N, C-alpha and C. Protein backbone atom coordinates (compact mmCIF):
# COMPACT_ATOMS: atom_id res chain seq x y z
N MET A 1 -12.74 -4.14 12.20
CA MET A 1 -12.61 -4.03 10.77
C MET A 1 -12.87 -5.40 10.17
N GLY A 2 -13.77 -5.53 9.23
CA GLY A 2 -14.10 -6.79 8.61
C GLY A 2 -13.04 -7.24 7.62
N ASP A 3 -13.06 -8.53 7.25
CA ASP A 3 -12.08 -9.07 6.32
C ASP A 3 -12.04 -8.32 5.00
N SER A 4 -13.20 -7.86 4.52
CA SER A 4 -13.22 -7.18 3.23
C SER A 4 -12.62 -5.78 3.32
N GLU A 5 -12.41 -5.26 4.52
CA GLU A 5 -11.88 -3.91 4.68
C GLU A 5 -10.40 -3.89 5.02
N LYS A 6 -9.79 -5.02 5.30
CA LYS A 6 -8.39 -5.04 5.69
C LYS A 6 -7.51 -4.57 4.55
N SER A 7 -6.45 -3.82 4.90
CA SER A 7 -5.55 -3.29 3.88
C SER A 7 -4.53 -4.32 3.42
N THR A 8 -4.18 -5.27 4.29
CA THR A 8 -3.24 -6.31 3.89
C THR A 8 -3.68 -7.63 4.47
N ARG A 9 -3.33 -8.68 3.77
CA ARG A 9 -3.52 -10.02 4.32
C ARG A 9 -2.60 -10.97 3.58
N ALA A 10 -2.17 -12.01 4.24
CA ALA A 10 -1.27 -12.98 3.65
C ALA A 10 -2.03 -13.87 2.68
N THR A 11 -1.37 -14.26 1.59
CA THR A 11 -1.93 -15.22 0.66
C THR A 11 -0.93 -16.35 0.52
N SER A 12 -1.27 -17.35 -0.24
CA SER A 12 -0.37 -18.48 -0.41
C SER A 12 0.86 -18.08 -1.22
N GLY A 13 1.95 -18.81 -1.04
CA GLY A 13 3.16 -18.58 -1.81
C GLY A 13 3.96 -17.36 -1.38
N GLY A 14 3.78 -16.89 -0.14
CA GLY A 14 4.55 -15.76 0.35
C GLY A 14 4.13 -14.42 -0.22
N ARG A 15 3.00 -14.37 -0.85
CA ARG A 15 2.51 -13.12 -1.42
C ARG A 15 1.52 -12.48 -0.47
N THR A 16 1.41 -11.18 -0.55
CA THR A 16 0.50 -10.41 0.26
C THR A 16 -0.54 -9.75 -0.62
N HIS A 17 -1.77 -9.76 -0.17
CA HIS A 17 -2.85 -9.06 -0.86
C HIS A 17 -2.90 -7.66 -0.23
N LEU A 18 -2.61 -6.65 -1.02
CA LEU A 18 -2.52 -5.27 -0.53
C LEU A 18 -3.63 -4.45 -1.16
N ARG A 19 -4.36 -3.72 -0.34
CA ARG A 19 -5.44 -2.85 -0.83
C ARG A 19 -4.97 -1.41 -0.73
N ILE A 20 -4.99 -0.72 -1.86
CA ILE A 20 -4.59 0.69 -1.93
C ILE A 20 -5.86 1.52 -2.09
N HIS A 21 -6.11 2.42 -1.16
CA HIS A 21 -7.28 3.29 -1.19
C HIS A 21 -6.92 4.57 -1.95
N LEU A 22 -7.64 4.85 -3.03
CA LEU A 22 -7.36 6.02 -3.85
C LEU A 22 -8.13 7.24 -3.36
N ILE A 23 -7.68 8.40 -3.76
CA ILE A 23 -8.27 9.65 -3.31
C ILE A 23 -9.74 9.79 -3.72
N ASN A 24 -10.15 9.12 -4.82
CA ASN A 24 -11.54 9.21 -5.27
C ASN A 24 -12.46 8.23 -4.54
N GLY A 25 -11.92 7.50 -3.57
CA GLY A 25 -12.72 6.58 -2.78
C GLY A 25 -12.70 5.15 -3.27
N SER A 26 -12.15 4.91 -4.45
CA SER A 26 -12.08 3.54 -4.94
C SER A 26 -10.87 2.83 -4.33
N VAL A 27 -10.83 1.52 -4.50
CA VAL A 27 -9.76 0.70 -3.93
C VAL A 27 -9.18 -0.16 -5.04
N ARG A 28 -7.86 -0.27 -5.08
CA ARG A 28 -7.18 -1.16 -6.00
C ARG A 28 -6.48 -2.23 -5.17
N SER A 29 -6.68 -3.48 -5.53
CA SER A 29 -6.06 -4.59 -4.83
C SER A 29 -4.95 -5.17 -5.69
N ILE A 30 -3.82 -5.45 -5.07
CA ILE A 30 -2.71 -6.07 -5.77
C ILE A 30 -2.14 -7.17 -4.90
N LYS A 31 -1.48 -8.12 -5.54
CA LYS A 31 -0.75 -9.16 -4.84
C LYS A 31 0.72 -8.91 -5.08
N CYS A 32 1.52 -8.94 -4.03
CA CYS A 32 2.94 -8.68 -4.16
C CYS A 32 3.70 -9.42 -3.07
N THR A 33 5.01 -9.42 -3.19
CA THR A 33 5.86 -10.05 -2.19
C THR A 33 6.43 -8.97 -1.28
N GLU A 34 7.10 -9.40 -0.23
CA GLU A 34 7.73 -8.48 0.71
C GLU A 34 8.89 -7.72 0.06
N ARG A 35 9.42 -8.24 -1.05
CA ARG A 35 10.59 -7.62 -1.70
C ARG A 35 10.23 -6.50 -2.68
N VAL A 36 8.94 -6.33 -3.00
CA VAL A 36 8.55 -5.31 -3.96
C VAL A 36 8.78 -3.92 -3.36
N GLU A 37 9.29 -3.01 -4.20
CA GLU A 37 9.52 -1.63 -3.75
C GLU A 37 8.25 -0.81 -3.88
N ILE A 38 8.13 0.19 -3.03
CA ILE A 38 6.96 1.07 -3.03
C ILE A 38 6.77 1.72 -4.40
N GLN A 39 7.87 2.10 -5.07
CA GLN A 39 7.75 2.71 -6.40
C GLN A 39 7.10 1.76 -7.39
N ASP A 40 7.33 0.47 -7.27
CA ASP A 40 6.71 -0.50 -8.18
C ASP A 40 5.22 -0.65 -7.88
N ILE A 41 4.85 -0.57 -6.62
CA ILE A 41 3.44 -0.61 -6.25
C ILE A 41 2.72 0.60 -6.82
N VAL A 42 3.34 1.78 -6.70
CA VAL A 42 2.75 3.01 -7.24
C VAL A 42 2.58 2.88 -8.76
N ARG A 43 3.61 2.41 -9.46
CA ARG A 43 3.52 2.25 -10.91
C ARG A 43 2.39 1.30 -11.30
N LEU A 44 2.25 0.22 -10.57
CA LEU A 44 1.20 -0.75 -10.88
C LEU A 44 -0.19 -0.15 -10.67
N VAL A 45 -0.38 0.53 -9.55
CA VAL A 45 -1.68 1.15 -9.27
C VAL A 45 -2.00 2.21 -10.32
N VAL A 46 -1.03 3.04 -10.66
CA VAL A 46 -1.24 4.10 -11.65
C VAL A 46 -1.56 3.49 -13.02
N SER A 47 -0.88 2.42 -13.38
CA SER A 47 -1.15 1.79 -14.68
C SER A 47 -2.55 1.21 -14.74
N ARG A 48 -3.10 0.81 -13.60
CA ARG A 48 -4.45 0.25 -13.56
C ARG A 48 -5.54 1.31 -13.67
N ILE A 49 -5.16 2.58 -13.51
CA ILE A 49 -6.16 3.64 -13.70
C ILE A 49 -5.99 4.28 -15.09
N ASN A 50 -5.40 3.50 -15.99
CA ASN A 50 -5.25 3.89 -17.40
C ASN A 50 -4.43 5.15 -17.60
N ALA A 51 -3.35 5.25 -16.87
CA ALA A 51 -2.45 6.39 -17.04
C ALA A 51 -1.09 5.85 -17.48
N ASP A 52 -0.28 6.71 -18.05
CA ASP A 52 1.09 6.34 -18.43
C ASP A 52 1.90 6.25 -17.14
N ALA A 53 2.11 5.04 -16.68
CA ALA A 53 2.72 4.81 -15.37
C ALA A 53 4.12 5.42 -15.24
N ASN A 54 4.90 5.42 -16.31
CA ASN A 54 6.26 5.97 -16.22
C ASN A 54 6.27 7.48 -16.00
N VAL A 55 5.29 8.16 -16.54
CA VAL A 55 5.22 9.62 -16.41
C VAL A 55 4.42 10.02 -15.17
N VAL A 56 3.23 9.48 -15.04
CA VAL A 56 2.30 9.90 -14.00
C VAL A 56 2.69 9.42 -12.61
N SER A 57 3.33 8.27 -12.48
CA SER A 57 3.64 7.73 -11.16
C SER A 57 4.54 8.65 -10.34
N LYS A 58 5.25 9.54 -10.99
CA LYS A 58 6.11 10.50 -10.28
C LYS A 58 5.29 11.50 -9.47
N HIS A 59 4.00 11.58 -9.75
CA HIS A 59 3.12 12.52 -9.08
C HIS A 59 2.26 11.86 -8.01
N PHE A 60 2.49 10.58 -7.75
CA PHE A 60 1.72 9.84 -6.76
C PHE A 60 2.64 9.35 -5.65
N ALA A 61 2.06 9.08 -4.51
CA ALA A 61 2.79 8.52 -3.38
C ALA A 61 1.84 7.64 -2.58
N ILE A 62 2.41 6.85 -1.69
CA ILE A 62 1.58 6.01 -0.82
C ILE A 62 1.83 6.43 0.63
N ARG A 63 0.74 6.53 1.35
CA ARG A 63 0.79 6.90 2.75
C ARG A 63 0.14 5.79 3.56
N MET A 64 0.78 5.43 4.66
CA MET A 64 0.18 4.47 5.58
C MET A 64 -0.54 5.26 6.65
N LEU A 65 -1.76 4.87 6.95
CA LEU A 65 -2.56 5.57 7.95
C LEU A 65 -3.10 4.58 8.97
N HIS A 66 -2.88 4.90 10.23
CA HIS A 66 -3.50 4.13 11.31
C HIS A 66 -4.70 4.96 11.74
N GLU A 67 -5.88 4.52 11.33
CA GLU A 67 -7.08 5.35 11.48
C GLU A 67 -7.45 5.62 12.94
N ARG A 68 -7.23 4.67 13.80
CA ARG A 68 -7.64 4.84 15.20
C ARG A 68 -6.84 5.94 15.89
N THR A 69 -5.53 6.02 15.61
CA THR A 69 -4.68 7.01 16.27
C THR A 69 -4.40 8.23 15.41
N GLY A 70 -4.61 8.10 14.09
CA GLY A 70 -4.30 9.21 13.19
C GLY A 70 -2.85 9.25 12.75
N GLU A 71 -2.03 8.29 13.22
CA GLU A 71 -0.63 8.26 12.78
C GLU A 71 -0.59 8.01 11.28
N ALA A 72 0.25 8.76 10.58
CA ALA A 72 0.37 8.61 9.13
C ALA A 72 1.83 8.76 8.72
N TYR A 73 2.24 7.97 7.74
CA TYR A 73 3.62 8.00 7.26
C TYR A 73 3.62 7.94 5.74
N TRP A 74 4.33 8.88 5.10
CA TRP A 74 4.54 8.83 3.65
C TRP A 74 5.67 7.84 3.42
N LEU A 75 5.49 6.92 2.49
CA LEU A 75 6.47 5.86 2.26
C LEU A 75 7.44 6.25 1.15
N ALA A 76 8.73 6.14 1.45
CA ALA A 76 9.77 6.44 0.47
C ALA A 76 9.73 5.40 -0.65
N PHE A 77 9.95 5.85 -1.87
CA PHE A 77 9.88 4.97 -3.04
C PHE A 77 10.87 3.81 -2.98
N ASN A 78 12.03 4.01 -2.34
CA ASN A 78 13.04 2.96 -2.35
C ASN A 78 12.85 1.91 -1.25
N LEU A 79 11.85 2.08 -0.40
CA LEU A 79 11.56 1.07 0.62
C LEU A 79 10.87 -0.13 -0.02
N THR A 80 11.12 -1.31 0.53
CA THR A 80 10.35 -2.48 0.11
C THR A 80 9.17 -2.63 1.06
N LEU A 81 8.21 -3.45 0.66
CA LEU A 81 7.08 -3.71 1.54
C LEU A 81 7.56 -4.34 2.84
N GLY A 82 8.58 -5.18 2.76
CA GLY A 82 9.17 -5.78 3.96
C GLY A 82 9.74 -4.72 4.89
N ASP A 83 10.43 -3.71 4.32
CA ASP A 83 10.97 -2.61 5.13
C ASP A 83 9.85 -1.87 5.84
N VAL A 84 8.78 -1.62 5.13
CA VAL A 84 7.63 -0.90 5.70
C VAL A 84 7.05 -1.69 6.86
N ARG A 85 6.88 -2.97 6.66
CA ARG A 85 6.33 -3.81 7.72
C ARG A 85 7.23 -3.79 8.95
N GLN A 86 8.51 -3.90 8.72
CA GLN A 86 9.46 -3.93 9.83
C GLN A 86 9.46 -2.60 10.60
N ARG A 87 9.39 -1.48 9.89
CA ARG A 87 9.42 -0.16 10.53
C ARG A 87 8.13 0.23 11.23
N TYR A 88 6.99 -0.01 10.55
CA TYR A 88 5.74 0.57 11.03
C TYR A 88 4.73 -0.43 11.58
N GLU A 89 4.65 -1.60 10.99
CA GLU A 89 3.62 -2.52 11.41
C GLU A 89 3.90 -3.19 12.75
N SER A 90 5.08 -2.98 13.28
CA SER A 90 5.38 -3.51 14.61
C SER A 90 4.66 -2.70 15.70
N ARG A 91 4.20 -1.51 15.35
CA ARG A 91 3.52 -0.63 16.32
C ARG A 91 2.07 -1.03 16.57
N TYR A 92 1.40 -1.47 15.51
CA TYR A 92 0.00 -1.86 15.59
C TYR A 92 -0.20 -3.07 14.69
N PRO A 93 -1.24 -3.86 14.92
CA PRO A 93 -1.49 -5.02 14.05
C PRO A 93 -1.64 -4.61 12.59
N ARG A 94 -1.19 -5.46 11.70
CA ARG A 94 -1.19 -5.22 10.26
C ARG A 94 -2.55 -4.80 9.73
N GLU A 95 -3.60 -5.44 10.22
CA GLU A 95 -4.94 -5.15 9.69
C GLU A 95 -5.49 -3.79 10.11
N GLU A 96 -4.81 -3.10 11.03
CA GLU A 96 -5.27 -1.77 11.45
C GLU A 96 -4.70 -0.64 10.59
N TRP A 97 -3.77 -0.95 9.69
CA TRP A 97 -3.17 0.07 8.83
C TRP A 97 -3.94 0.14 7.52
N ARG A 98 -4.00 1.34 6.97
CA ARG A 98 -4.62 1.54 5.66
C ARG A 98 -3.57 2.19 4.75
N PHE A 99 -3.44 1.65 3.53
CA PHE A 99 -2.53 2.21 2.53
C PHE A 99 -3.34 3.11 1.61
N MET A 100 -2.86 4.35 1.45
CA MET A 100 -3.61 5.32 0.65
C MET A 100 -2.69 5.93 -0.40
N SER A 101 -3.21 6.07 -1.61
CA SER A 101 -2.47 6.71 -2.68
C SER A 101 -2.94 8.14 -2.83
N LYS A 102 -2.01 9.04 -2.94
CA LYS A 102 -2.33 10.46 -3.11
C LYS A 102 -1.55 11.01 -4.29
C-alpha cells in the first residue's frame, strides 16, 4: 500500500492524519488526536459533505476494515481513536487498516 493510500499516519504534535473512505468512493482526510471520540470524527466528516452534522451524523458510522483478511469492526461512538488503536491495531500494522464511513 503506497503512502497516499494509507488510512492513518502520524503527524507532528501528536496528531494523526486519518483518511475516511466514503460509500461513494471519495475520501475525506482529517487530523485528530488519540483522544477524539468516534462520534466527533463522524460529525466532522458529515459536516464536510454539506449536511447538518447534528441531525445526519446519527445515520452514519465508521467501520474499520482489514482488506487482506476481510476482518471488519463497526466502531462504537463512545470509543476514542486511542481505544480503537489499542483494541484493533495491535492485530495488524496501522497502515493495513482502512476506515470506512457508511
